[in-house]
Amino acid sequence: MWVVLVGFVVVRTAPQIGALTGVGPSLGAAPVFDVVTLDGDLLTPEDLAGKVVVVNFWATWCPPCRLEMPNFQELHERSGGEGVVVVGLSTDQGSDAPIRAFLAERGITYPVGRATDAHRAAFGGIPGIPTTFIIDRDGVLRHKVVGYFTGPALDAAVDRLRDDATVE
């Protein structure tokens, strides 16, 4: 029983520790994708090229998603002009109205679109939500966290990749 519990904890925390420390397996080239935001803007691969990109699959009904969204908003406000882009992809079904209301209530201003089957497939499937990917400035998928992404681990991963982009 203890072995199973320890194994579960290691599997769940390893991506967080990897993001925090910068250590982890290579996840390969990031998928090429477009996002149509709820505001009708189009984010293309050209818009994201050369930037650290945080892609978060989430839903309005998901408690861990609600907990981590302020961290993404803070990152967007703090680093948006510094070569970092946060993109939310809502997995909610139905109309955009409940999603828009949810975002407005929480003051979420980073770009948010709808997760499509093409997005899910491009990222190799989404095993659960929230699921967050961090892509470096060279288009390499550096981190994947399934479940709540802690603020310190998120900040450490993004800051390290952003700073790597300025050290050339």
N, C-alpha and C. Protein backbone atom coordinates (compact mmCIF):
# COMPACT_ATOMS: atom_id res chain seq x y z
N MET A 1 0.82 -1.19 0.00
CA MET A 1 0.00 0.00 0.00
C MET A 1 0.86 1.26 0.00
N TRP A 2 1.90 1.28 0.85
CA TRP A 2 2.77 2.44 0.92
C TRP A 2 3.52 2.65 -0.39
N VAL A 3 3.91 1.56 -1.01
CA VAL A 3 4.63 1.66 -2.28
C VAL A 3 3.74 2.33 -3.33
N VAL A 4 2.48 1.96 -3.36
CA VAL A 4 1.54 2.55 -4.31
C VAL A 4 1.37 4.04 -4.01
N LEU A 5 1.22 4.38 -2.75
CA LEU A 5 1.05 5.78 -2.36
C LEU A 5 2.29 6.60 -2.71
N VAL A 6 3.45 6.09 -2.38
CA VAL A 6 4.69 6.80 -2.72
C VAL A 6 4.83 6.94 -4.23
N GLY A 7 4.52 5.89 -4.96
CA GLY A 7 4.58 5.96 -6.42
C GLY A 7 3.65 7.01 -6.97
N PHE A 8 2.44 7.08 -6.45
CA PHE A 8 1.47 8.10 -6.88
C PHE A 8 2.00 9.50 -6.61
N VAL A 9 2.53 9.72 -5.42
CA VAL A 9 3.06 11.05 -5.05
C VAL A 9 4.21 11.44 -5.98
N VAL A 10 5.10 10.50 -6.25
CA VAL A 10 6.24 10.79 -7.13
C VAL A 10 5.75 11.15 -8.54
N VAL A 11 4.83 10.38 -9.06
CA VAL A 11 4.31 10.63 -10.41
C VAL A 11 3.63 12.00 -10.47
N ARG A 12 2.88 12.35 -9.45
CA ARG A 12 2.15 13.63 -9.45
C ARG A 12 3.05 14.82 -9.20
N THR A 13 4.11 14.67 -8.41
CA THR A 13 4.95 15.81 -8.07
C THR A 13 6.16 15.98 -8.99
N ALA A 14 6.56 14.95 -9.69
CA ALA A 14 7.75 15.03 -10.54
C ALA A 14 7.66 16.17 -11.56
N PRO A 15 6.54 16.37 -12.25
CA PRO A 15 6.48 17.49 -13.20
C PRO A 15 6.62 18.85 -12.51
N GLN A 16 6.07 18.99 -11.31
CA GLN A 16 6.20 20.24 -10.56
C GLN A 16 7.67 20.49 -10.20
N ILE A 17 8.33 19.44 -9.72
CA ILE A 17 9.74 19.56 -9.35
C ILE A 17 10.58 19.85 -10.59
N GLY A 18 10.25 19.19 -11.70
CA GLY A 18 10.96 19.46 -12.95
C GLY A 18 10.80 20.90 -13.40
N ALA A 19 9.60 21.44 -13.29
CA ALA A 19 9.36 22.84 -13.66
C ALA A 19 10.11 23.77 -12.72
N LEU A 20 10.10 23.45 -11.44
CA LEU A 20 10.76 24.28 -10.45
C LEU A 20 12.27 24.30 -10.65
N THR A 21 12.85 23.14 -10.97
CA THR A 21 14.31 23.03 -11.05
C THR A 21 14.86 23.10 -12.48
N GLY A 22 14.00 22.90 -13.46
CA GLY A 22 14.47 22.89 -14.85
C GLY A 22 15.00 21.55 -15.28
N VAL A 23 14.77 20.53 -14.48
CA VAL A 23 15.24 19.18 -14.79
C VAL A 23 14.05 18.34 -15.23
N GLY A 24 14.26 17.58 -16.27
CA GLY A 24 13.18 16.70 -16.70
C GLY A 24 13.44 16.15 -18.08
N PRO A 25 12.58 15.25 -18.50
CA PRO A 25 12.76 14.62 -19.80
C PRO A 25 12.47 15.60 -20.94
N SER A 26 13.08 15.35 -22.08
CA SER A 26 12.78 16.14 -23.27
C SER A 26 11.40 15.74 -23.78
N LEU A 27 10.57 16.73 -24.06
CA LEU A 27 9.23 16.45 -24.54
C LEU A 27 9.10 16.70 -26.04
N GLY A 28 10.19 17.09 -26.69
CA GLY A 28 10.19 17.25 -28.14
C GLY A 28 9.67 18.59 -28.62
N ALA A 29 9.50 18.67 -29.92
CA ALA A 29 9.03 19.92 -30.52
C ALA A 29 7.58 20.17 -30.14
N ALA A 30 7.29 21.42 -29.88
CA ALA A 30 5.91 21.80 -29.55
C ALA A 30 5.06 21.71 -30.80
N PRO A 31 3.78 21.45 -30.63
CA PRO A 31 2.90 21.41 -31.80
C PRO A 31 2.72 22.80 -32.39
N VAL A 32 2.43 22.82 -33.65
CA VAL A 32 2.10 24.08 -34.33
C VAL A 32 0.58 24.21 -34.26
N PHE A 33 0.11 25.35 -33.76
CA PHE A 33 -1.33 25.51 -33.57
C PHE A 33 -1.73 26.97 -33.68
N ASP A 34 -2.97 27.19 -34.06
CA ASP A 34 -3.61 28.50 -34.06
C ASP A 34 -4.64 28.51 -32.95
N VAL A 35 -4.93 29.69 -32.42
CA VAL A 35 -6.00 29.84 -31.43
C VAL A 35 -6.84 31.04 -31.83
N VAL A 36 -8.14 30.81 -31.94
CA VAL A 36 -9.08 31.92 -32.09
C VAL A 36 -9.58 32.23 -30.69
N THR A 37 -9.29 33.44 -30.20
CA THR A 37 -9.69 33.79 -28.84
C THR A 37 -11.18 34.10 -28.78
N LEU A 38 -11.71 34.14 -27.58
CA LEU A 38 -13.12 34.49 -27.40
C LEU A 38 -13.40 35.91 -27.87
N ASP A 39 -12.36 36.73 -27.96
CA ASP A 39 -12.51 38.10 -28.48
C ASP A 39 -12.44 38.15 -30.00
N GLY A 40 -12.21 37.00 -30.63
CA GLY A 40 -12.16 36.95 -32.09
C GLY A 40 -10.78 37.19 -32.68
N ASP A 41 -9.78 37.35 -31.84
CA ASP A 41 -8.41 37.52 -32.33
C ASP A 41 -7.84 36.15 -32.70
N LEU A 42 -6.90 36.17 -33.63
CA LEU A 42 -6.25 34.94 -34.05
C LEU A 42 -4.79 34.97 -33.59
N LEU A 43 -4.41 33.98 -32.79
CA LEU A 43 -3.01 33.79 -32.42
C LEU A 43 -2.44 32.71 -33.32
N THR A 44 -1.40 33.05 -34.04
CA THR A 44 -0.79 32.12 -34.98
C THR A 44 0.59 31.70 -34.47
N PRO A 45 1.15 30.67 -35.07
CA PRO A 45 2.51 30.29 -34.70
C PRO A 45 3.50 31.46 -34.87
N GLU A 46 3.26 32.31 -35.85
CA GLU A 46 4.14 33.47 -36.05
C GLU A 46 4.04 34.44 -34.88
N ASP A 47 2.84 34.59 -34.30
CA ASP A 47 2.65 35.47 -33.15
C ASP A 47 3.38 34.94 -31.92
N LEU A 48 3.52 33.63 -31.82
CA LEU A 48 4.10 33.01 -30.64
C LEU A 48 5.59 32.70 -30.79
N ALA A 49 6.10 32.79 -32.00
CA ALA A 49 7.49 32.44 -32.28
C ALA A 49 8.43 33.33 -31.46
N GLY A 50 9.46 32.70 -30.91
CA GLY A 50 10.47 33.44 -30.15
C GLY A 50 10.03 33.82 -28.75
N LYS A 51 8.88 33.35 -28.31
CA LYS A 51 8.37 33.68 -26.98
C LYS A 51 8.23 32.42 -26.14
N VAL A 52 8.24 32.60 -24.84
CA VAL A 52 7.91 31.52 -23.93
C VAL A 52 6.38 31.49 -23.88
N VAL A 53 5.80 30.33 -24.18
CA VAL A 53 4.35 30.21 -24.29
C VAL A 53 3.86 29.21 -23.23
N VAL A 54 2.88 29.66 -22.45
CA VAL A 54 2.22 28.81 -21.46
C VAL A 54 0.82 28.51 -21.99
N VAL A 55 0.53 27.25 -22.23
CA VAL A 55 -0.78 26.83 -22.74
C VAL A 55 -1.46 26.02 -21.64
N ASN A 56 -2.64 26.50 -21.23
CA ASN A 56 -3.37 25.86 -20.13
C ASN A 56 -4.74 25.41 -20.60
N PHE A 57 -4.98 24.10 -20.53
CA PHE A 57 -6.30 23.52 -20.81
C PHE A 57 -7.05 23.51 -19.48
N TRP A 58 -8.26 24.07 -19.47
CA TRP A 58 -8.99 24.26 -18.23
C TRP A 58 -10.50 24.23 -18.50
N ALA A 59 -11.29 24.30 -17.41
CA ALA A 59 -12.75 24.39 -17.53
C ALA A 59 -13.29 25.22 -16.36
N THR A 60 -14.43 25.85 -16.57
CA THR A 60 -15.04 26.70 -15.54
C THR A 60 -15.45 25.90 -14.31
N TRP A 61 -15.79 24.64 -14.47
CA TRP A 61 -16.29 23.81 -13.38
C TRP A 61 -15.19 23.09 -12.61
N CYS A 62 -13.95 23.30 -12.98
CA CYS A 62 -12.81 22.57 -12.44
C CYS A 62 -12.18 23.33 -11.26
N PRO A 63 -12.30 22.82 -10.01
CA PRO A 63 -11.73 23.53 -8.86
C PRO A 63 -10.22 23.80 -8.95
N PRO A 64 -9.37 22.84 -9.36
CA PRO A 64 -7.94 23.17 -9.46
C PRO A 64 -7.67 24.25 -10.52
N CYS A 65 -8.47 24.26 -11.58
CA CYS A 65 -8.32 25.30 -12.61
C CYS A 65 -8.57 26.67 -12.00
N ARG A 66 -9.62 26.76 -11.22
CA ARG A 66 -9.98 28.03 -10.57
C ARG A 66 -8.86 28.50 -9.63
N LEU A 67 -8.22 27.54 -8.96
CA LEU A 67 -7.14 27.89 -8.03
C LEU A 67 -5.89 28.40 -8.75
N GLU A 68 -5.58 27.83 -9.91
CA GLU A 68 -4.33 28.20 -10.56
C GLU A 68 -4.46 29.41 -11.49
N MET A 69 -5.68 29.76 -11.89
CA MET A 69 -5.85 30.86 -12.85
C MET A 69 -5.28 32.20 -12.36
N PRO A 70 -5.40 32.54 -11.07
CA PRO A 70 -4.75 33.79 -10.63
C PRO A 70 -3.24 33.79 -10.86
N ASN A 71 -2.60 32.61 -10.76
CA ASN A 71 -1.15 32.54 -11.04
C ASN A 71 -0.86 32.86 -12.50
N PHE A 72 -1.70 32.34 -13.41
CA PHE A 72 -1.51 32.63 -14.83
C PHE A 72 -1.77 34.11 -15.12
N GLN A 73 -2.79 34.68 -14.46
CA GLN A 73 -3.09 36.09 -14.66
C GLN A 73 -1.94 36.96 -14.17
N GLU A 74 -1.42 36.64 -13.00
CA GLU A 74 -0.28 37.39 -12.46
C GLU A 74 0.93 37.29 -13.40
N LEU A 75 1.19 36.10 -13.91
CA LEU A 75 2.28 35.91 -14.86
C LEU A 75 2.05 36.74 -16.10
N HIS A 76 0.84 36.74 -16.62
CA HIS A 76 0.48 37.54 -17.80
C HIS A 76 0.73 39.03 -17.53
N GLU A 77 0.31 39.52 -16.39
CA GLU A 77 0.48 40.94 -16.07
C GLU A 77 1.94 41.29 -15.85
N ARG A 78 2.68 40.40 -15.22
CA ARG A 78 4.07 40.66 -14.88
C ARG A 78 5.01 40.49 -16.06
N SER A 79 4.74 39.51 -16.93
CA SER A 79 5.72 39.14 -17.95
C SER A 79 5.21 39.22 -19.38
N GLY A 80 3.96 39.63 -19.57
CA GLY A 80 3.38 39.65 -20.92
C GLY A 80 4.17 40.48 -21.91
N GLY A 81 4.74 41.57 -21.46
CA GLY A 81 5.52 42.41 -22.35
C GLY A 81 6.96 41.99 -22.46
N GLU A 82 7.33 40.92 -21.80
CA GLU A 82 8.72 40.46 -21.76
C GLU A 82 8.91 39.14 -22.48
N GLY A 83 8.19 38.92 -23.56
CA GLY A 83 8.39 37.70 -24.33
C GLY A 83 7.72 36.48 -23.78
N VAL A 84 6.67 36.66 -22.98
CA VAL A 84 5.92 35.54 -22.41
C VAL A 84 4.47 35.69 -22.82
N VAL A 85 3.87 34.60 -23.27
CA VAL A 85 2.45 34.60 -23.65
C VAL A 85 1.75 33.48 -22.89
N VAL A 86 0.67 33.83 -22.21
CA VAL A 86 -0.18 32.84 -21.54
C VAL A 86 -1.42 32.68 -22.41
N VAL A 87 -1.77 31.44 -22.73
CA VAL A 87 -2.95 31.15 -23.54
C VAL A 87 -3.79 30.12 -22.79
N GLY A 88 -5.05 30.45 -22.55
CA GLY A 88 -5.97 29.51 -21.94
C GLY A 88 -6.82 28.87 -23.02
N LEU A 89 -7.05 27.57 -22.90
CA LEU A 89 -7.93 26.85 -23.82
C LEU A 89 -9.02 26.17 -23.01
N SER A 90 -10.21 26.74 -23.06
CA SER A 90 -11.33 26.23 -22.30
C SER A 90 -11.87 24.95 -22.92
N THR A 91 -12.08 23.96 -22.07
CA THR A 91 -12.64 22.69 -22.53
C THR A 91 -14.15 22.63 -22.29
N ASP A 92 -14.74 23.74 -21.84
CA ASP A 92 -16.18 23.77 -21.58
C ASP A 92 -16.96 23.54 -22.87
N GLN A 93 -18.13 22.93 -22.71
CA GLN A 93 -19.05 22.71 -23.82
C GLN A 93 -20.09 23.83 -23.81
N GLY A 94 -20.78 24.01 -24.92
CA GLY A 94 -21.85 25.00 -24.97
C GLY A 94 -21.36 26.35 -25.47
N SER A 95 -22.13 27.37 -25.15
CA SER A 95 -21.84 28.71 -25.67
C SER A 95 -20.67 29.36 -24.94
N ASP A 96 -20.19 30.45 -25.53
CA ASP A 96 -19.09 31.20 -24.94
C ASP A 96 -19.53 32.05 -23.75
N ALA A 97 -20.82 32.36 -23.63
CA ALA A 97 -21.30 33.30 -22.62
C ALA A 97 -20.90 32.92 -21.19
N PRO A 98 -21.08 31.67 -20.76
CA PRO A 98 -20.66 31.33 -19.39
C PRO A 98 -19.14 31.46 -19.18
N ILE A 99 -18.39 31.16 -20.21
CA ILE A 99 -16.92 31.28 -20.10
C ILE A 99 -16.54 32.75 -19.97
N ARG A 100 -17.14 33.59 -20.81
CA ARG A 100 -16.86 35.03 -20.74
C ARG A 100 -17.21 35.59 -19.36
N ALA A 101 -18.37 35.20 -18.82
CA ALA A 101 -18.79 35.67 -17.50
C ALA A 101 -17.80 35.21 -16.43
N PHE A 102 -17.38 33.95 -16.51
CA PHE A 102 -16.42 33.38 -15.57
C PHE A 102 -15.12 34.19 -15.60
N LEU A 103 -14.60 34.47 -16.78
CA LEU A 103 -13.35 35.22 -16.92
C LEU A 103 -13.50 36.64 -16.40
N ALA A 104 -14.62 37.29 -16.71
CA ALA A 104 -14.86 38.66 -16.26
C ALA A 104 -14.93 38.73 -14.74
N GLU A 105 -15.63 37.78 -14.11
CA GLU A 105 -15.75 37.74 -12.65
C GLU A 105 -14.38 37.64 -11.98
N ARG A 106 -13.46 36.97 -12.62
CA ARG A 106 -12.15 36.72 -12.04
C ARG A 106 -11.06 37.65 -12.56
N GLY A 107 -11.41 38.56 -13.44
CA GLY A 107 -10.43 39.51 -13.96
C GLY A 107 -9.36 38.87 -14.82
N ILE A 108 -9.71 37.82 -15.53
CA ILE A 108 -8.74 37.13 -16.40
C ILE A 108 -8.68 37.86 -17.73
N THR A 109 -7.49 38.35 -18.08
CA THR A 109 -7.32 39.14 -19.30
C THR A 109 -6.36 38.52 -20.31
N TYR A 110 -5.72 37.41 -19.96
CA TYR A 110 -4.84 36.78 -20.95
C TYR A 110 -5.72 36.13 -22.03
N PRO A 111 -5.16 35.88 -23.21
CA PRO A 111 -5.96 35.33 -24.30
C PRO A 111 -6.53 33.95 -23.96
N VAL A 112 -7.82 33.79 -24.21
CA VAL A 112 -8.50 32.52 -23.96
C VAL A 112 -9.30 32.16 -25.19
N GLY A 113 -9.15 30.92 -25.62
CA GLY A 113 -9.93 30.37 -26.73
C GLY A 113 -10.59 29.08 -26.29
N ARG A 114 -11.21 28.43 -27.24
CA ARG A 114 -11.85 27.14 -26.98
C ARG A 114 -10.90 26.02 -27.41
N ALA A 115 -10.77 25.02 -26.57
CA ALA A 115 -9.95 23.85 -26.91
C ALA A 115 -10.71 23.03 -27.94
N THR A 116 -10.06 22.78 -29.05
CA THR A 116 -10.67 21.98 -30.11
C THR A 116 -10.08 20.58 -30.08
N ASP A 117 -10.71 19.68 -30.82
CA ASP A 117 -10.13 18.34 -30.95
C ASP A 117 -8.74 18.41 -31.56
N ALA A 118 -8.54 19.36 -32.47
CA ALA A 118 -7.22 19.53 -33.09
C ALA A 118 -6.19 19.96 -32.05
N HIS A 119 -6.55 20.85 -31.14
CA HIS A 119 -5.63 21.25 -30.07
C HIS A 119 -5.27 20.05 -29.19
N ARG A 120 -6.29 19.31 -28.80
CA ARG A 120 -6.05 18.15 -27.94
C ARG A 120 -5.11 17.16 -28.63
N ALA A 121 -5.38 16.88 -29.89
CA ALA A 121 -4.54 15.94 -30.64
C ALA A 121 -3.12 16.47 -30.82
N ALA A 122 -3.00 17.76 -31.10
CA ALA A 122 -1.68 18.36 -31.33
C ALA A 122 -0.79 18.23 -30.10
N PHE A 123 -1.40 18.33 -28.92
CA PHE A 123 -0.64 18.24 -27.68
C PHE A 123 -0.56 16.81 -27.15
N GLY A 124 -0.96 15.84 -27.97
CA GLY A 124 -0.82 14.44 -27.60
C GLY A 124 -1.92 13.92 -26.68
N GLY A 125 -3.03 14.61 -26.67
CA GLY A 125 -4.13 14.23 -25.79
C GLY A 125 -4.02 14.95 -24.47
N ILE A 126 -5.16 15.18 -23.87
CA ILE A 126 -5.21 15.86 -22.58
C ILE A 126 -5.78 14.86 -21.57
N PRO A 127 -4.91 14.31 -20.71
CA PRO A 127 -5.34 13.24 -19.82
C PRO A 127 -6.28 13.70 -18.72
N GLY A 128 -6.30 14.96 -18.43
CA GLY A 128 -7.14 15.52 -17.39
C GLY A 128 -6.98 17.02 -17.40
N ILE A 129 -7.86 17.69 -16.68
CA ILE A 129 -7.69 19.13 -16.59
C ILE A 129 -7.59 19.52 -15.12
N PRO A 130 -6.83 20.53 -14.84
CA PRO A 130 -6.05 21.30 -15.79
C PRO A 130 -4.83 20.53 -16.29
N THR A 131 -4.41 20.87 -17.48
CA THR A 131 -3.14 20.40 -18.03
C THR A 131 -2.46 21.62 -18.64
N THR A 132 -1.20 21.81 -18.27
CA THR A 132 -0.46 22.99 -18.71
C THR A 132 0.83 22.56 -19.39
N PHE A 133 1.13 23.25 -20.48
CA PHE A 133 2.36 23.03 -21.23
C PHE A 133 3.14 24.33 -21.26
N ILE A 134 4.46 24.23 -21.16
CA ILE A 134 5.32 25.40 -21.34
C ILE A 134 6.25 25.12 -22.49
N ILE A 135 6.25 26.05 -23.43
CA ILE A 135 7.05 25.95 -24.65
C ILE A 135 8.13 27.03 -24.58
N ASP A 136 9.37 26.64 -24.88
CA ASP A 136 10.44 27.64 -24.83
C ASP A 136 10.48 28.47 -26.11
N ARG A 137 11.35 29.44 -26.14
CA ARG A 137 11.41 30.40 -27.27
C ARG A 137 11.83 29.74 -28.58
N ASP A 138 12.42 28.54 -28.49
CA ASP A 138 12.84 27.82 -29.69
C ASP A 138 11.78 26.83 -30.17
N GLY A 139 10.61 26.86 -29.54
CA GLY A 139 9.53 25.96 -29.95
C GLY A 139 9.66 24.55 -29.43
N VAL A 140 10.36 24.39 -28.31
CA VAL A 140 10.52 23.08 -27.70
C VAL A 140 9.59 22.99 -26.49
N LEU A 141 8.85 21.91 -26.42
CA LEU A 141 7.96 21.67 -25.30
C LEU A 141 8.82 21.27 -24.10
N ARG A 142 8.87 22.13 -23.11
CA ARG A 142 9.78 21.91 -21.98
C ARG A 142 9.12 21.31 -20.75
N HIS A 143 7.84 21.64 -20.53
CA HIS A 143 7.17 21.13 -19.33
C HIS A 143 5.73 20.79 -19.63
N LYS A 144 5.25 19.75 -18.97
CA LYS A 144 3.84 19.37 -19.01
C LYS A 144 3.44 19.02 -17.59
N VAL A 145 2.42 19.71 -17.09
CA VAL A 145 1.93 19.46 -15.75
C VAL A 145 0.44 19.14 -15.84
N VAL A 146 0.08 17.94 -15.41
CA VAL A 146 -1.32 17.55 -15.34
C VAL A 146 -1.76 17.76 -13.90
N GLY A 147 -2.80 18.55 -13.72
CA GLY A 147 -3.25 18.92 -12.39
C GLY A 147 -2.80 20.33 -12.06
N TYR A 148 -3.07 20.71 -10.84
CA TYR A 148 -2.74 22.06 -10.37
C TYR A 148 -1.26 22.36 -10.55
N PHE A 149 -0.97 23.51 -11.16
CA PHE A 149 0.41 23.96 -11.37
C PHE A 149 0.70 25.01 -10.30
N THR A 150 1.58 24.71 -9.37
CA THR A 150 1.86 25.64 -8.29
C THR A 150 2.49 26.92 -8.82
N GLY A 151 2.19 28.02 -8.18
CA GLY A 151 2.74 29.32 -8.58
C GLY A 151 4.25 29.35 -8.59
N PRO A 152 4.91 28.88 -7.52
CA PRO A 152 6.38 28.92 -7.52
C PRO A 152 7.01 28.11 -8.66
N ALA A 153 6.46 26.92 -8.94
CA ALA A 153 7.00 26.10 -10.03
C ALA A 153 6.76 26.77 -11.38
N LEU A 154 5.57 27.32 -11.58
CA LEU A 154 5.26 28.04 -12.83
C LEU A 154 6.20 29.20 -13.02
N ASP A 155 6.35 30.03 -11.99
CA ASP A 155 7.22 31.20 -12.10
C ASP A 155 8.66 30.81 -12.36
N ALA A 156 9.15 29.80 -11.65
CA ALA A 156 10.55 29.37 -11.84
C ALA A 156 10.79 28.89 -13.26
N ALA A 157 9.86 28.09 -13.78
CA ALA A 157 10.03 27.56 -15.15
C ALA A 157 10.00 28.68 -16.17
N VAL A 158 9.03 29.56 -16.07
CA VAL A 158 8.90 30.64 -17.06
C VAL A 158 10.04 31.63 -16.94
N ASP A 159 10.39 32.01 -15.72
CA ASP A 159 11.49 32.97 -15.55
C ASP A 159 12.79 32.41 -16.10
N ARG A 160 13.05 31.13 -15.85
CA ARG A 160 14.29 30.52 -16.35
C ARG A 160 14.30 30.53 -17.88
N LEU A 161 13.19 30.15 -18.50
CA LEU A 161 13.14 30.10 -19.97
C LEU A 161 13.17 31.50 -20.57
N ARG A 162 12.53 32.46 -19.92
CA ARG A 162 12.57 33.84 -20.40
C ARG A 162 13.98 34.39 -20.30
N ASP A 163 14.62 34.15 -19.15
CA ASP A 163 15.98 34.64 -18.96
C ASP A 163 16.95 33.98 -19.92
N ASP A 164 16.74 32.69 -20.23
CA ASP A 164 17.58 32.01 -21.22
C ASP A 164 17.45 32.71 -22.57
N ALA A 165 16.29 33.26 -22.86
CA ALA A 165 16.05 33.93 -24.14
C ALA A 165 16.82 35.23 -24.24
N THR A 166 17.16 35.83 -23.10
CA THR A 166 17.84 37.13 -23.14
C THR A 166 19.34 37.01 -23.02
N VAL A 167 19.85 35.77 -22.79
CA VAL A 167 21.28 35.57 -22.59
C VAL A 167 21.95 35.09 -23.86
N GLU A 168 21.91 35.75 -24.90
CA GLU A 168 22.55 35.24 -26.12
C GLU A 168 23.73 36.01 -26.51
